[in-house]
Amino acid sequence: MGVRRQAEPESTAESAGALLRDGAAWLEGAGLPRARQDAEWLLAGLLGLPRWRLHLDPDRPVTAVVAKRFHELVQRRLRHEPVQYLLGWEEFRGLRLRITPTVLIPRPE
C-alpha cells in the first residue's frame, strides 16, 4: 500500500481588498449604480463573513478558488443578474430567505 498524502492547502491568490477594488471597478465601469456594495456582498458571501468584516482586514488572504469564484460572480453581475440570485439568499424582516430565479426577490416596501 502507498502512503496517503494529505491535500495541500490552497495557495492564496490575492487579498480581499485587491479583489474588492477590481470587482468594484469592473462593475462601476459597466454603469452599475451600487458597484462597491455589490462587490462587497459577493465577496463577503463567498467568505461567509458579514460585509463590515471586509473593511477590518483588507489584507485578508483569499484562496485561488475563492478568487476564481468571485470573478465568475462579478461576470454574472456584469450581465445584470441580481445579487440575490448570485448569493442565493436575501434578508427580509429578520429572516434569511432562499432565493432562486423561480421566486420574486423580496423588497422592503
PDB file of N, CA and C in Angstrom:
ATOM      1  N   MET A   1       0.831  -1.186   0.000  1.00  0.00           N
ATOM      2  CA  MET A   1       0.000   0.000   0.000  1.00  0.00           C
ATOM      3  C   MET A   1       0.869   1.240   0.000  1.00  0.00           C
ATOM      4  N   GLY A   2       0.442   2.243  -0.760  1.00  0.00           N
ATOM      5  CA  GLY A   2       1.167   3.500  -0.823  1.00  0.00           C
ATOM      6  C   GLY A   2       0.831   4.403   0.354  1.00  0.00           C
ATOM      7  N   VAL A   3       1.677   5.338   0.597  1.00  0.00           N
ATOM      8  CA  VAL A   3       1.434   6.312   1.654  1.00  0.00           C
ATOM      9  C   VAL A   3       0.471   7.360   1.132  1.00  0.00           C
ATOM     10  N   ARG A   4      -0.540   7.620   1.917  1.00  0.00           N
ATOM     11  CA  ARG A   4      -1.532   8.607   1.535  1.00  0.00           C
ATOM     12  C   ARG A   4      -1.068   9.995   1.931  1.00  0.00           C
ATOM     13  N   ARG A   5      -1.059  10.902   0.972  1.00  0.00           N
ATOM     14  CA  ARG A   5      -0.649  12.275   1.257  1.00  0.00           C
ATOM     15  C   ARG A   5      -1.871  13.123   1.546  1.00  0.00           C
ATOM     16  N   GLN A   6      -1.712  14.012   2.500  1.00  0.00           N
ATOM     17  CA  GLN A   6      -2.788  14.947   2.777  1.00  0.00           C
ATOM     18  C   GLN A   6      -2.827  15.997   1.683  1.00  0.00           C
ATOM     19  N   ALA A   7      -4.014  16.473   1.393  1.00  0.00           N
ATOM     20  CA  ALA A   7      -4.142  17.545   0.409  1.00  0.00           C
ATOM     21  C   ALA A   7      -3.458  18.788   0.947  1.00  0.00           C
ATOM     22  N   GLU A   8      -2.724  19.436   0.070  1.00  0.00           N
ATOM     23  CA  GLU A   8      -2.055  20.662   0.477  1.00  0.00           C
ATOM     24  C   GLU A   8      -3.068  21.798   0.525  1.00  0.00           C
ATOM     25  N   PRO A   9      -2.879  22.750   1.444  1.00  0.00           N
ATOM     26  CA  PRO A   9      -3.799  23.884   1.493  1.00  0.00           C
ATOM     27  C   PRO A   9      -3.748  24.665   0.186  1.00  0.00           C
ATOM     28  N   GLU A  10      -4.886  25.267  -0.155  1.00  0.00           N
ATOM     29  CA  GLU A  10      -4.953  26.046  -1.377  1.00  0.00           C
ATOM     30  C   GLU A  10      -4.047  27.259  -1.249  1.00  0.00           C
ATOM     31  N   SER A  11      -3.359  27.575  -2.306  1.00  0.00           N
ATOM     32  CA  SER A  11      -2.490  28.744  -2.253  1.00  0.00           C
ATOM     33  C   SER A  11      -3.341  30.012  -2.297  1.00  0.00           C
ATOM     34  N   THR A  12      -2.820  31.073  -1.728  1.00  0.00           N
ATOM     35  CA  THR A  12      -3.552  32.331  -1.734  1.00  0.00           C
ATOM     36  C   THR A  12      -3.256  33.065  -3.022  1.00  0.00           C
ATOM     37  N   ALA A  13      -4.273  33.652  -3.595  1.00  0.00           N
ATOM     38  CA  ALA A  13      -4.119  34.335  -4.863  1.00  0.00           C
ATOM     39  C   ALA A  13      -3.993  35.838  -4.662  1.00  0.00           C
ATOM     40  N   GLU A  14      -4.855  36.384  -3.873  1.00  0.00           N
ATOM     41  CA  GLU A  14      -4.931  37.822  -3.728  1.00  0.00           C
ATOM     42  C   GLU A  14      -5.431  38.153  -2.336  1.00  0.00           C
ATOM     43  N   SER A  15      -5.487  39.435  -2.060  1.00  0.00           N
ATOM     44  CA  SER A  15      -6.086  39.876  -0.801  1.00  0.00           C
ATOM     45  C   SER A  15      -7.542  40.240  -1.061  1.00  0.00           C
ATOM     46  N   ALA A  16      -8.319  40.261   0.003  1.00  0.00           N
ATOM     47  CA  ALA A  16      -9.725  40.639  -0.113  1.00  0.00           C
ATOM     48  C   ALA A  16      -9.851  42.064  -0.645  1.00  0.00           C
ATOM     49  N   GLY A  17      -8.988  42.961  -0.173  1.00  0.00           N
ATOM     50  CA  GLY A  17      -9.035  44.348  -0.623  1.00  0.00           C
ATOM     51  C   GLY A  17      -8.776  44.494  -2.112  1.00  0.00           C
ATOM     52  N   ALA A  18      -7.807  43.733  -2.625  1.00  0.00           N
ATOM     53  CA  ALA A  18      -7.489  43.795  -4.056  1.00  0.00           C
ATOM     54  C   ALA A  18      -8.650  43.264  -4.890  1.00  0.00           C
ATOM     55  N   LEU A  19      -9.251  42.173  -4.439  1.00  0.00           N
ATOM     56  CA  LEU A  19     -10.407  41.633  -5.157  1.00  0.00           C
ATOM     57  C   LEU A  19     -11.554  42.630  -5.172  1.00  0.00           C
ATOM     58  N   LEU A  20     -11.802  43.268  -4.022  1.00  0.00           N
ATOM     59  CA  LEU A  20     -12.891  44.241  -3.954  1.00  0.00           C
ATOM     60  C   LEU A  20     -12.643  45.423  -4.885  1.00  0.00           C
ATOM     61  N   ARG A  21     -11.415  45.926  -4.906  1.00  0.00           N
ATOM     62  CA  ARG A  21     -11.097  47.053  -5.788  1.00  0.00           C
ATOM     63  C   ARG A  21     -11.347  46.682  -7.251  1.00  0.00           C
ATOM     64  N   ASP A  22     -10.859  45.505  -7.647  1.00  0.00           N
ATOM     65  CA  ASP A  22     -11.035  45.070  -9.036  1.00  0.00           C
ATOM     66  C   ASP A  22     -12.511  44.859  -9.368  1.00  0.00           C
ATOM     67  N   GLY A  23     -13.196  44.136  -8.499  1.00  0.00           N
ATOM     68  CA  GLY A  23     -14.606  43.847  -8.743  1.00  0.00           C
ATOM     69  C   GLY A  23     -15.444  45.106  -8.818  1.00  0.00           C
ATOM     70  N   ALA A  24     -15.217  46.032  -7.885  1.00  0.00           N
ATOM     71  CA  ALA A  24     -15.974  47.284  -7.885  1.00  0.00           C
ATOM     72  C   ALA A  24     -15.667  48.096  -9.141  1.00  0.00           C
ATOM     73  N   ALA A  25     -14.404  48.111  -9.569  1.00  0.00           N
ATOM     74  CA  ALA A  25     -14.034  48.861 -10.774  1.00  0.00           C
ATOM     75  C   ALA A  25     -14.723  48.290 -12.011  1.00  0.00           C
ATOM     76  N   TRP A  26     -14.758  46.965 -12.131  1.00  0.00           N
ATOM     77  CA  TRP A  26     -15.437  46.343 -13.279  1.00  0.00           C
ATOM     78  C   TRP A  26     -16.920  46.681 -13.283  1.00  0.00           C
ATOM     79  N   LEU A  27     -17.555  46.566 -12.108  1.00  0.00           N
ATOM     80  CA  LEU A  27     -18.988  46.832 -12.018  1.00  0.00           C
ATOM     81  C   LEU A  27     -19.292  48.306 -12.257  1.00  0.00           C
ATOM     82  N   GLU A  28     -18.438  49.177 -11.723  1.00  0.00           N
ATOM     83  CA  GLU A  28     -18.616  50.609 -11.938  1.00  0.00           C
ATOM     84  C   GLU A  28     -18.448  50.959 -13.408  1.00  0.00           C
ATOM     85  N   GLY A  29     -17.472  50.348 -14.057  1.00  0.00           N
ATOM     86  CA  GLY A  29     -17.243  50.576 -15.482  1.00  0.00           C
ATOM     87  C   GLY A  29     -18.427  50.157 -16.339  1.00  0.00           C
ATOM     88  N   ALA A  30     -19.211  49.218 -15.840  1.00  0.00           N
ATOM     89  CA  ALA A  30     -20.397  48.757 -16.564  1.00  0.00           C
ATOM     90  C   ALA A  30     -21.619  49.614 -16.242  1.00  0.00           C
ATOM     91  N   GLY A  31     -21.421  50.615 -15.361  1.00  0.00           N
ATOM     92  CA  GLY A  31     -22.517  51.525 -15.046  1.00  0.00           C
ATOM     93  C   GLY A  31     -23.466  51.035 -13.974  1.00  0.00           C
ATOM     94  N   LEU A  32     -23.074  50.018 -13.221  1.00  0.00           N
ATOM     95  CA  LEU A  32     -23.950  49.545 -12.146  1.00  0.00           C
ATOM     96  C   LEU A  32     -23.880  50.532 -10.982  1.00  0.00           C
ATOM     97  N   PRO A  33     -25.025  50.992 -10.498  1.00  0.00           N
ATOM     98  CA  PRO A  33     -25.041  52.077  -9.518  1.00  0.00           C
ATOM     99  C   PRO A  33     -24.464  51.735  -8.143  1.00  0.00           C
ATOM    100  N   ARG A  34     -24.547  50.503  -7.703  1.00  0.00           N
ATOM    101  CA  ARG A  34     -24.046  50.118  -6.378  1.00  0.00           C
ATOM    102  C   ARG A  34     -22.869  49.158  -6.527  1.00  0.00           C
ATOM    103  N   ALA A  35     -21.920  49.531  -7.354  1.00  0.00           N
ATOM    104  CA  ALA A  35     -20.814  48.649  -7.717  1.00  0.00           C
ATOM    105  C   ALA A  35     -20.028  48.169  -6.496  1.00  0.00           C
ATOM    106  N   ARG A  36     -19.588  49.074  -5.643  1.00  0.00           N
ATOM    107  CA  ARG A  36     -18.774  48.695  -4.475  1.00  0.00           C
ATOM    108  C   ARG A  36     -19.588  47.815  -3.537  1.00  0.00           C
ATOM    109  N   GLN A  37     -20.822  48.198  -3.274  1.00  0.00           N
ATOM    110  CA  GLN A  37     -21.685  47.413  -2.388  1.00  0.00           C
ATOM    111  C   GLN A  37     -21.922  46.011  -2.946  1.00  0.00           C
ATOM    112  N   ASP A  38     -22.176  45.919  -4.238  1.00  0.00           N
ATOM    113  CA  ASP A  38     -22.383  44.610  -4.858  1.00  0.00           C
ATOM    114  C   ASP A  38     -21.135  43.736  -4.721  1.00  0.00           C
ATOM    115  N   ALA A  39     -19.958  44.319  -4.984  1.00  0.00           N
ATOM    116  CA  ALA A  39     -18.704  43.564  -4.863  1.00  0.00           C
ATOM    117  C   ALA A  39     -18.505  43.090  -3.421  1.00  0.00           C
ATOM    118  N   GLU A  40     -18.816  43.948  -2.457  1.00  0.00           N
ATOM    119  CA  GLU A  40     -18.683  43.569  -1.052  1.00  0.00           C
ATOM    120  C   GLU A  40     -19.614  42.417  -0.696  1.00  0.00           C
ATOM    121  N   TRP A  41     -20.876  42.504  -1.130  1.00  0.00           N
ATOM    122  CA  TRP A  41     -21.831  41.426  -0.845  1.00  0.00           C
ATOM    123  C   TRP A  41     -21.354  40.105  -1.430  1.00  0.00           C
ATOM    124  N   LEU A  42     -20.867  40.137  -2.648  1.00  0.00           N
ATOM    125  CA  LEU A  42     -20.434  38.902  -3.305  1.00  0.00           C
ATOM    126  C   LEU A  42     -19.239  38.274  -2.593  1.00  0.00           C
ATOM    127  N   LEU A  43     -18.233  39.078  -2.278  1.00  0.00           N
ATOM    128  CA  LEU A  43     -17.046  38.525  -1.615  1.00  0.00           C
ATOM    129  C   LEU A  43     -17.360  38.084  -0.190  1.00  0.00           C
ATOM    130  N   ALA A  44     -18.117  38.889   0.528  1.00  0.00           N
ATOM    131  CA  ALA A  44     -18.486  38.514   1.897  1.00  0.00           C
ATOM    132  C   ALA A  44     -19.285  37.215   1.890  1.00  0.00           C
ATOM    133  N   GLY A  45     -20.188  37.063   0.929  1.00  0.00           N
ATOM    134  CA  GLY A  45     -20.970  35.832   0.829  1.00  0.00           C
ATOM    135  C   GLY A  45     -20.088  34.617   0.571  1.00  0.00           C
ATOM    136  N   LEU A  46     -19.107  34.773  -0.287  1.00  0.00           N
ATOM    137  CA  LEU A  46     -18.201  33.660  -0.576  1.00  0.00           C
ATOM    138  C   LEU A  46     -17.335  33.302   0.632  1.00  0.00           C
ATOM    139  N   LEU A  47     -16.946  34.307   1.402  1.00  0.00           N
ATOM    140  CA  LEU A  47     -16.095  34.070   2.568  1.00  0.00           C
ATOM    141  C   LEU A  47     -16.891  33.721   3.822  1.00  0.00           C
ATOM    142  N   GLY A  48     -18.228  33.845   3.752  1.00  0.00           N
ATOM    143  CA  GLY A  48     -19.068  33.551   4.904  1.00  0.00           C
ATOM    144  C   GLY A  48     -18.912  34.578   6.014  1.00  0.00           C
ATOM    145  N   LEU A  49     -18.705  35.830   5.620  1.00  0.00           N
ATOM    146  CA  LEU A  49     -18.497  36.918   6.578  1.00  0.00           C
ATOM    147  C   LEU A  49     -19.552  37.995   6.394  1.00  0.00           C
ATOM    148  N   PRO A  50     -19.804  38.793   7.441  1.00  0.00           N
ATOM    149  CA  PRO A  50     -20.609  39.997   7.220  1.00  0.00           C
ATOM    150  C   PRO A  50     -19.774  41.013   6.433  1.00  0.00           C
ATOM    151  N   ARG A  51     -20.427  41.874   5.684  1.00  0.00           N
ATOM    152  CA  ARG A  51     -19.719  42.837   4.835  1.00  0.00           C
ATOM    153  C   ARG A  51     -18.734  43.691   5.611  1.00  0.00           C
ATOM    154  N   TRP A  52     -19.103  44.120   6.799  1.00  0.00           N
ATOM    155  CA  TRP A  52     -18.248  45.032   7.559  1.00  0.00           C
ATOM    156  C   TRP A  52     -16.904  44.413   7.914  1.00  0.00           C
ATOM    157  N   ARG A  53     -16.832  43.077   7.991  1.00  0.00           N
ATOM    158  CA  ARG A  53     -15.560  42.422   8.320  1.00  0.00           C
ATOM    159  C   ARG A  53     -14.518  42.606   7.216  1.00  0.00           C
ATOM    160  N   LEU A  54     -14.956  42.796   5.984  1.00  0.00           N
ATOM    161  CA  LEU A  54     -14.019  43.014   4.884  1.00  0.00           C
ATOM    162  C   LEU A  54     -13.231  44.311   5.070  1.00  0.00           C
ATOM    163  N   HIS A  55     -13.858  45.302   5.706  1.00  0.00           N
ATOM    164  CA  HIS A  55     -13.203  46.592   5.926  1.00  0.00           C
ATOM    165  C   HIS A  55     -12.162  46.516   7.040  1.00  0.00           C
ATOM    166  N   LEU A  56     -12.338  45.586   7.961  1.00  0.00           N
ATOM    167  CA  LEU A  56     -11.405  45.465   9.081  1.00  0.00           C
ATOM    168  C   LEU A  56     -10.095  44.798   8.678  1.00  0.00           C
ATOM    169  N   ASP A  57     -10.148  43.952   7.676  1.00  0.00           N
ATOM    170  CA  ASP A  57      -8.953  43.207   7.290  1.00  0.00           C
ATOM    171  C   ASP A  57      -8.835  43.125   5.768  1.00  0.00           C
ATOM    172  N   PRO A  58      -8.523  44.256   5.101  1.00  0.00           N
ATOM    173  CA  PRO A  58      -8.443  44.218   3.639  1.00  0.00           C
ATOM    174  C   PRO A  58      -7.279  43.374   3.125  1.00  0.00           C
ATOM    175  N   ASP A  59      -6.303  43.088   3.989  1.00  0.00           N
ATOM    176  CA  ASP A  59      -5.168  42.260   3.576  1.00  0.00           C
ATOM    177  C   ASP A  59      -5.425  40.768   3.785  1.00  0.00           C
ATOM    178  N   ARG A  60      -6.642  40.434   4.173  1.00  0.00           N
ATOM    179  CA  ARG A  60      -7.011  39.029   4.391  1.00  0.00           C
ATOM    180  C   ARG A  60      -6.704  38.239   3.120  1.00  0.00           C
ATOM    181  N   PRO A  61      -5.906  37.177   3.241  1.00  0.00           N
ATOM    182  CA  PRO A  61      -5.614  36.383   2.041  1.00  0.00           C
ATOM    183  C   PRO A  61      -6.856  35.628   1.567  1.00  0.00           C
ATOM    184  N   VAL A  62      -6.986  35.529   0.271  1.00  0.00           N
ATOM    185  CA  VAL A  62      -8.118  34.836  -0.343  1.00  0.00           C
ATOM    186  C   VAL A  62      -7.550  33.726  -1.216  1.00  0.00           C
ATOM    187  N   THR A  63      -8.091  32.537  -1.077  1.00  0.00           N
ATOM    188  CA  THR A  63      -7.595  31.409  -1.857  1.00  0.00           C
ATOM    189  C   THR A  63      -7.872  31.608  -3.343  1.00  0.00           C
ATOM    190  N   ALA A  64      -7.126  30.917  -4.148  1.00  0.00           N
ATOM    191  CA  ALA A  64      -7.309  30.993  -5.598  1.00  0.00           C
ATOM    192  C   ALA A  64      -8.704  30.520  -5.995  1.00  0.00           C
ATOM    193  N   VAL A  65      -9.222  29.545  -5.284  1.00  0.00           N
ATOM    194  CA  VAL A  65     -10.567  29.030  -5.595  1.00  0.00           C
ATOM    195  C   VAL A  65     -11.622  30.095  -5.333  1.00  0.00           C
ATOM    196  N   VAL A  66     -11.518  30.783  -4.197  1.00  0.00           N
ATOM    197  CA  VAL A  66     -12.479  31.838  -3.868  1.00  0.00           C
ATOM    198  C   VAL A  66     -12.327  33.002  -4.850  1.00  0.00           C
ATOM    199  N   ALA A  67     -11.102  33.364  -5.188  1.00  0.00           N
ATOM    200  CA  ALA A  67     -10.876  34.449  -6.142  1.00  0.00           C
ATOM    201  C   ALA A  67     -11.503  34.118  -7.494  1.00  0.00           C
ATOM    202  N   LYS A  68     -11.340  32.890  -7.939  1.00  0.00           N
ATOM    203  CA  LYS A  68     -11.923  32.468  -9.222  1.00  0.00           C
ATOM    204  C   LYS A  68     -13.448  32.530  -9.167  1.00  0.00           C
ATOM    205  N   ARG A  69     -14.016  32.056  -8.076  1.00  0.00           N
ATOM    206  CA  ARG A  69     -15.481  32.084  -7.919  1.00  0.00           C
ATOM    207  C   ARG A  69     -15.994  33.531  -7.865  1.00  0.00           C
ATOM    208  N   PHE A  70     -15.249  34.402  -7.185  1.00  0.00           N
ATOM    209  CA  PHE A  70     -15.624  35.813  -7.118  1.00  0.00           C
ATOM    210  C   PHE A  70     -15.642  36.413  -8.522  1.00  0.00           C
ATOM    211  N   HIS A  71     -14.614  36.138  -9.310  1.00  0.00           N
ATOM    212  CA  HIS A  71     -14.561  36.659 -10.681  1.00  0.00           C
ATOM    213  C   HIS A  71     -15.750  36.147 -11.500  1.00  0.00           C
ATOM    214  N   GLU A  72     -16.127  34.901 -11.294  1.00  0.00           N
ATOM    215  CA  GLU A  72     -17.288  34.342 -12.001  1.00  0.00           C
ATOM    216  C   GLU A  72     -18.573  35.076 -11.610  1.00  0.00           C
ATOM    217  N   LEU A  73     -18.730  35.344 -10.305  1.00  0.00           N
ATOM    218  CA  LEU A  73     -19.932  36.045  -9.843  1.00  0.00           C
ATOM    219  C   LEU A  73     -19.965  37.477 -10.361  1.00  0.00           C
ATOM    220  N   VAL A  74     -18.821  38.135 -10.392  1.00  0.00           N
ATOM    221  CA  VAL A  74     -18.762  39.504 -10.923  1.00  0.00           C
ATOM    222  C   VAL A  74     -19.150  39.495 -12.401  1.00  0.00           C
ATOM    223  N   GLN A  75     -18.678  38.510 -13.150  1.00  0.00           N
ATOM    224  CA  GLN A  75     -19.045  38.415 -14.562  1.00  0.00           C
ATOM    225  C   GLN A  75     -20.553  38.253 -14.727  1.00  0.00           C
ATOM    226  N   ARG A  76     -21.169  37.453 -13.862  1.00  0.00           N
ATOM    227  CA  ARG A  76     -22.628  37.290 -13.922  1.00  0.00           C
ATOM    228  C   ARG A  76     -23.326  38.599 -13.549  1.00  0.00           C
ATOM    229  N   ARG A  77     -22.785  39.313 -12.563  1.00  0.00           N
ATOM    230  CA  ARG A  77     -23.376  40.595 -12.160  1.00  0.00           C
ATOM    231  C   ARG A  77     -23.238  41.615 -13.285  1.00  0.00           C
ATOM    232  N   LEU A  78     -22.147  41.552 -14.041  1.00  0.00           N
ATOM    233  CA  LEU A  78     -21.972  42.446 -15.192  1.00  0.00           C
ATOM    234  C   LEU A  78     -23.079  42.248 -16.224  1.00  0.00           C
ATOM    235  N   ARG A  79     -23.657  41.063 -16.235  1.00  0.00           N
ATOM    236  CA  ARG A  79     -24.785  40.770 -17.135  1.00  0.00           C
ATOM    237  C   ARG A  79     -26.120  41.126 -16.466  1.00  0.00           C
ATOM    238  N   HIS A  80     -26.027  41.894 -15.357  1.00  0.00           N
ATOM    239  CA  HIS A  80     -27.185  42.423 -14.630  1.00  0.00           C
ATOM    240  C   HIS A  80     -28.005  41.357 -13.920  1.00  0.00           C
ATOM    241  N   GLU A  81     -27.387  40.255 -13.585  1.00  0.00           N
ATOM    242  CA  GLU A  81     -28.065  39.241 -12.777  1.00  0.00           C
ATOM    243  C   GLU A  81     -28.137  39.779 -11.345  1.00  0.00           C
ATOM    244  N   PRO A  82     -29.300  39.726 -10.702  1.00  0.00           N
ATOM    245  CA  PRO A  82     -29.433  40.289  -9.352  1.00  0.00           C
ATOM    246  C   PRO A  82     -28.490  39.621  -8.339  1.00  0.00           C
ATOM    247  N   VAL A  83     -27.969  40.434  -7.451  1.00  0.00           N
ATOM    248  CA  VAL A  83     -27.055  39.943  -6.412  1.00  0.00           C
ATOM    249  C   VAL A  83     -27.717  38.841  -5.590  1.00  0.00           C
ATOM    250  N   GLN A  84     -29.010  38.974  -5.332  1.00  0.00           N
ATOM    251  CA  GLN A  84     -29.714  37.970  -4.535  1.00  0.00           C
ATOM    252  C   GLN A  84     -29.694  36.601  -5.206  1.00  0.00           C
ATOM    253  N   TYR A  85     -29.790  36.562  -6.522  1.00  0.00           N
ATOM    254  CA  TYR A  85     -29.706  35.289  -7.229  1.00  0.00           C
ATOM    255  C   TYR A  85     -28.289  34.733  -7.154  1.00  0.00           C
ATOM    256  N   LEU A  86     -27.314  35.617  -7.206  1.00  0.00           N
ATOM    257  CA  LEU A  86     -25.918  35.179  -7.144  1.00  0.00           C
ATOM    258  C   LEU A  86     -25.580  34.631  -5.760  1.00  0.00           C
ATOM    259  N   LEU A  87     -26.090  35.281  -4.715  1.00  0.00           N
ATOM    260  CA  LEU A  87     -25.837  34.828  -3.346  1.00  0.00           C
ATOM    261  C   LEU A  87     -26.711  33.634  -2.965  1.00  0.00           C
ATOM    262  N   GLY A  88     -27.918  33.611  -3.510  1.00  0.00           N
ATOM    263  CA  GLY A  88     -28.852  32.534  -3.177  1.00  0.00           C
ATOM    264  C   GLY A  88     -29.719  32.824  -1.964  1.00  0.00           C
ATOM    265  N   TRP A  89     -29.664  34.070  -1.466  1.00  0.00           N
ATOM    266  CA  TRP A  89     -30.485  34.439  -0.317  1.00  0.00           C
ATOM    267  C   TRP A  89     -30.705  35.947  -0.268  1.00  0.00           C
ATOM    268  N   GLU A  90     -31.673  36.352   0.559  1.00  0.00           N
ATOM    269  CA  GLU A  90     -31.951  37.765   0.822  1.00  0.00           C
ATOM    270  C   GLU A  90     -32.513  37.864   2.233  1.00  0.00           C
ATOM    271  N   GLU A  91     -32.044  38.854   2.967  1.00  0.00           N
ATOM    272  CA  GLU A  91     -32.602  39.124   4.293  1.00  0.00           C
ATOM    273  C   GLU A  91     -33.902  39.889   4.109  1.00  0.00           C
ATOM    274  N   PHE A  92     -34.940  39.455   4.817  1.00  0.00           N
ATOM    275  CA  PHE A  92     -36.232  40.130   4.729  1.00  0.00           C
ATOM    276  C   PHE A  92     -36.923  40.028   6.071  1.00  0.00           C
ATOM    277  N   ARG A  93     -37.093  41.179   6.723  1.00  0.00           N
ATOM    278  CA  ARG A  93     -37.785  41.256   8.020  1.00  0.00           C
ATOM    279  C   ARG A  93     -37.229  40.263   9.037  1.00  0.00           C
ATOM    280  N   GLY A  94     -35.906  40.197   9.098  1.00  0.00           N
ATOM    281  CA  GLY A  94     -35.248  39.343  10.076  1.00  0.00           C
ATOM    282  C   GLY A  94     -35.113  37.882   9.671  1.00  0.00           C
ATOM    283  N   LEU A  95     -35.565  37.543   8.485  1.00  0.00           N
ATOM    284  CA  LEU A  95     -35.462  36.169   8.003  1.00  0.00           C
ATOM    285  C   LEU A  95     -34.498  36.118   6.831  1.00  0.00           C
ATOM    286  N   ARG A  96     -33.748  35.051   6.740  1.00  0.00           N
ATOM    287  CA  ARG A  96     -32.900  34.837   5.565  1.00  0.00           C
ATOM    288  C   ARG A  96     -33.669  33.880   4.654  1.00  0.00           C
ATOM    289  N   LEU A  97     -34.121  34.423   3.536  1.00  0.00           N
ATOM    290  CA  LEU A  97     -34.913  33.650   2.594  1.00  0.00           C
ATOM    291  C   LEU A  97     -34.042  33.130   1.464  1.00  0.00           C
ATOM    292  N   ARG A  98     -34.283  31.899   1.081  1.00  0.00           N
ATOM    293  CA  ARG A  98     -33.563  31.323  -0.051  1.00  0.00           C
ATOM    294  C   ARG A  98     -34.154  31.897  -1.328  1.00  0.00           C
ATOM    295  N   ILE A  99     -33.284  32.350  -2.208  1.00  0.00           N
ATOM    296  CA  ILE A  99     -33.718  32.997  -3.445  1.00  0.00           C
ATOM    297  C   ILE A  99     -33.159  32.232  -4.637  1.00  0.00           C
ATOM    298  N   THR A 100     -34.036  31.925  -5.564  1.00  0.00           N
ATOM    299  CA  THR A 100     -33.645  31.319  -6.836  1.00  0.00           C
ATOM    300  C   THR A 100     -34.332  32.116  -7.947  1.00  0.00           C
ATOM    301  N   PRO A 101     -33.935  31.915  -9.183  1.00  0.00           N
ATOM    302  CA  PRO A 101     -34.589  32.637 -10.272  1.00  0.00           C
ATOM    303  C   PRO A 101     -36.089  32.327 -10.405  1.00  0.00           C
ATOM    304  N   THR A 102     -36.580  31.321  -9.700  1.00  0.00           N
ATOM    305  CA  THR A 102     -38.002  30.980  -9.799  1.00  0.00           C
ATOM    306  C   THR A 102     -38.871  31.725  -8.780  1.00  0.00           C
ATOM    307  N   VAL A 103     -38.236  32.558  -7.930  1.00  0.00           N
ATOM    308  CA  VAL A 103     -39.019  33.325  -6.944  1.00  0.00           C
ATOM    309  C   VAL A 103     -38.756  34.816  -7.117  1.00  0.00           C
ATOM    310  N   LEU A 104     -39.698  35.609  -6.639  1.00  0.00           N
ATOM    311  CA  LEU A 104     -39.522  37.058  -6.665  1.00  0.00           C
ATOM    312  C   LEU A 104     -38.621  37.460  -5.517  1.00  0.00           C
ATOM    313  N   ILE A 105     -37.792  38.459  -5.736  1.00  0.00           N
ATOM    314  CA  ILE A 105     -36.898  38.972  -4.710  1.00  0.00           C
ATOM    315  C   ILE A 105     -37.700  39.898  -3.797  1.00  0.00           C
ATOM    316  N   PRO A 106     -37.738  39.623  -2.472  1.00  0.00           N
ATOM    317  CA  PRO A 106     -38.492  40.496  -1.580  1.00  0.00           C
ATOM    318  C   PRO A 106     -37.868  41.902  -1.525  1.00  0.00           C
ATOM    319  N   ARG A 107     -38.742  42.885  -1.446  1.00  0.00           N
ATOM    320  CA  ARG A 107     -38.300  44.278  -1.334  1.00  0.00           C
ATOM    321  C   ARG A 107     -38.852  44.852  -0.041  1.00  0.00           C
ATOM    322  N   PRO A 108     -38.135  45.799   0.549  1.00  0.00           N
ATOM    323  CA  PRO A 108     -38.562  46.326   1.847  1.00  0.00           C
ATOM    324  C   PRO A 108     -39.943  46.974   1.850  1.00  0.00           C
ATOM    325  N   GLU A 109     -40.311  47.593   0.750  1.00  0.00           N
ATOM    326  CA  GLU A 109     -41.619  48.247   0.730  1.00  0.00           C
ATOM    327  C   GLU A 109     -42.706  47.223   0.548  1.00  0.00           C
TER     328      GLU A 109
END
